[in-house]
C-alpha cells in the first residue's frame, strides 16, 4: 500500500489479506480499504486519539470502523465521491495493527465485528494478532 505525505506507509501480513478475503464481502472490503487509506494512513498511531482507534497494549492497536457506511468513509477519502445505491449500509469492522517507528503501519488481521460481536470472538482475534505481532518482531 502507499504512504502519505507525512511518511506513513502501510504493509500487510498474509493473515490480514486472508482474513479480509475470507471474512468480508466486496462492499466491506471496499469500505475498509477506504477507511485504511482515508483515516489510518493519514492519522497513523494517532488514530487512537479518535473514535477510530484503541491501544491494546504491548504495541498492538485496534482500528475501529464502527457503524460507518461506505458513503461516510469514501467522502472522507475523496470529497468528489458520488455514492452508489446501497452505499449507506453501515458495518462494524475491526483491524489489528502494529507500528514500526513513526513510518510503518503493519496490518495484522481483521474481522467483521457486526457479524460476531461476541467478546469471545474479539479475544480470539486479539490473541491471533498478538501471535502474528510476536512473529514479526522476531523477524525484525
Protein backbone atom coordinates (compact mmCIF):
# COMPACT_ATOMS: atom_id res chain seq x y z
CA UNK A 1 0.00 0.00 0.00
CA UNK A 2 1.00 3.57 -0.48
CA UNK A 3 2.12 6.16 2.04
CA UNK A 4 1.07 9.71 2.74
CA UNK A 5 2.96 12.98 2.78
CA UNK A 6 3.75 12.59 6.49
CA UNK A 7 5.76 9.47 5.80
CA UNK A 8 3.38 6.72 6.95
CA UNK A 9 3.21 3.64 4.79
CA UNK A 10 1.15 0.53 5.20
CA UNK A 11 2.17 -3.07 4.75
CA UNK A 12 0.00 -6.12 5.27
CA UNK A 13 0.71 -9.53 6.69
CA UNK A 14 -0.63 -12.54 4.74
CA UNK A 15 -3.06 -13.26 7.61
CA UNK A 16 -4.63 -9.84 7.09
CA UNK A 17 -5.19 -10.49 3.40
CA UNK A 18 -6.67 -13.93 4.14
CA UNK A 19 -8.95 -12.56 6.87
CA UNK A 20 -10.24 -9.75 4.66
CA UNK A 21 -10.88 -12.12 1.77
CA UNK A 22 -12.49 -14.80 3.99
CA UNK A 23 -14.47 -12.61 6.42
CA UNK A 24 -15.57 -9.59 4.39
CA UNK A 25 -17.81 -9.20 1.39
CA UNK A 26 -16.88 -6.88 -1.52
CA UNK A 27 -18.74 -3.88 -0.03
CA UNK A 28 -16.97 -4.30 3.31
CA UNK A 29 -13.59 -4.73 1.60
CA UNK A 30 -14.03 -1.51 -0.37
CA UNK A 31 -15.21 0.36 2.72
CA UNK A 32 -12.28 -0.95 4.76
CA UNK A 33 -9.78 -0.05 2.06
CA UNK A 34 -11.18 3.49 2.02
CA UNK A 35 -11.04 3.73 5.82
CA UNK A 36 -7.45 2.49 5.91
CA UNK A 37 -6.40 4.99 3.22
CA UNK A 38 -8.53 7.87 4.45
CA UNK A 39 -8.13 7.53 8.20
CA UNK A 40 -5.42 5.13 9.32
CA UNK A 41 -2.85 6.15 6.72
CA UNK A 42 -3.27 9.84 7.48
CA UNK A 43 -3.55 9.54 11.27
CA UNK A 44 -1.10 6.72 11.92
CA UNK A 45 -0.98 5.68 15.56
CA UNK A 46 -2.66 8.98 16.46
CA UNK A 47 -5.84 7.32 15.25
CA UNK A 48 -6.03 6.10 18.87
CA UNK A 49 -6.83 9.66 19.93
CA UNK A 50 -10.07 9.38 17.96
CA UNK A 51 -13.10 7.11 17.86
CA UNK A 52 -11.33 5.16 15.11
CA UNK A 53 -8.61 3.59 17.26
CA UNK A 54 -7.74 1.98 20.56
CA UNK A 55 -4.38 0.95 22.01
CA UNK A 56 -4.43 -2.64 23.26
CA UNK A 57 -1.00 -2.62 24.92
CA UNK A 58 2.35 -4.15 24.05
CA UNK A 59 2.47 -2.27 20.74
CA UNK A 60 -0.83 -3.65 19.44
CA UNK A 61 -3.61 -1.35 18.24
CA UNK A 62 -7.19 -1.75 17.10
CA UNK A 63 -8.54 0.23 14.13
CA UNK A 64 -12.29 0.53 14.54
CA UNK A 65 -14.77 1.06 11.74
CA UNK A 66 -17.86 1.35 13.90
CA UNK A 67 -21.26 1.66 12.24
CA UNK A 68 -19.86 3.51 9.25
CA UNK A 69 -21.18 3.44 5.70
CA UNK A 70 -19.16 3.36 2.52
CA UNK A 71 -20.59 6.80 1.72
CA UNK A 72 -19.27 8.24 5.03
CA UNK A 73 -15.83 6.73 4.57
CA UNK A 74 -15.37 7.45 0.88
CA UNK A 75 -16.46 11.09 1.21
CA UNK A 76 -13.64 11.48 3.74
CA UNK A 77 -11.16 9.99 1.26
CA UNK A 78 -12.49 11.81 -1.82
CA UNK A 79 -14.77 14.84 -1.39
CA UNK A 80 -15.93 14.37 -5.01
CA UNK A 81 -17.06 10.79 -4.35
CA UNK A 82 -20.51 10.09 -5.77
CA UNK A 83 -22.33 7.43 -3.72
CA UNK A 84 -23.87 4.49 -5.48
CA UNK A 85 -27.14 2.87 -4.42
CA UNK A 86 -26.51 0.82 -1.30
CA UNK A 87 -23.53 2.88 -0.11
CA UNK A 88 -25.48 3.86 3.02
CA UNK A 89 -25.33 0.35 4.56
CA UNK A 90 -23.33 0.56 7.81
CA UNK A 91 -20.81 -2.01 9.00
CA UNK A 92 -18.70 -2.62 12.08
CA UNK A 93 -15.21 -3.93 11.33
CA UNK A 94 -12.00 -4.36 13.32
CA UNK A 95 -8.40 -4.32 12.15
CA UNK A 96 -5.44 -5.08 14.39
CA UNK A 97 -2.15 -3.39 13.60
CA UNK A 98 1.26 -2.54 14.94
CA UNK A 99 3.73 0.16 14.02
CA UNK A 100 7.44 0.27 13.45
CA UNK A 101 8.78 3.70 14.36
CA UNK A 102 6.75 6.60 13.00
CA UNK A 103 6.81 5.35 9.44
CA UNK A 104 5.30 1.88 9.12
CA UNK A 105 1.84 0.55 9.94
CA UNK A 106 1.63 -3.21 9.65
CA UNK A 107 -1.90 -4.63 9.29
CA UNK A 108 -2.04 -7.97 11.09
CA UNK A 109 -5.60 -9.30 10.87
CA UNK A 110 -9.23 -8.17 10.63
CA UNK A 111 -12.78 -9.34 11.16
CA UNK A 112 -16.44 -8.42 10.81
CA UNK A 113 -17.49 -7.44 14.32
CA UNK A 114 -21.02 -6.76 13.11
CA UNK A 115 -21.43 -10.44 12.21
CA UNK A 116 -19.96 -11.69 15.51
CA UNK A 117 -19.88 -9.03 18.25
CA UNK A 118 -19.11 -11.57 21.00
CA UNK A 119 -16.31 -10.98 23.48
CA UNK A 120 -15.05 -14.49 22.69
CA UNK A 121 -14.52 -13.61 19.01
CA UNK A 122 -12.87 -10.30 19.97
CA UNK A 123 -10.45 -12.02 22.38
CA UNK A 124 -9.62 -14.71 19.82
CA UNK A 125 -8.89 -12.04 17.18
CA UNK A 126 -6.66 -10.13 19.61
CA UNK A 127 -4.81 -13.35 20.52
CA UNK A 128 -4.25 -14.06 16.82
CA UNK A 129 -2.97 -10.51 16.27
CA UNK A 130 -0.57 -10.86 19.23
CA UNK A 131 0.79 -14.12 17.81
CA UNK A 132 1.37 -12.52 14.42
CA UNK A 133 2.97 -9.46 16.05
CA UNK A 134 5.35 -11.65 18.07
CA UNK A 135 6.42 -13.46 14.89
CA UNK A 136 7.01 -10.14 13.10
CA UNK A 137 9.05 -8.75 15.99
CA UNK A 138 11.29 -11.84 15.95
CA UNK A 139 11.95 -11.21 12.25
CA UNK A 140 12.82 -7.54 12.83
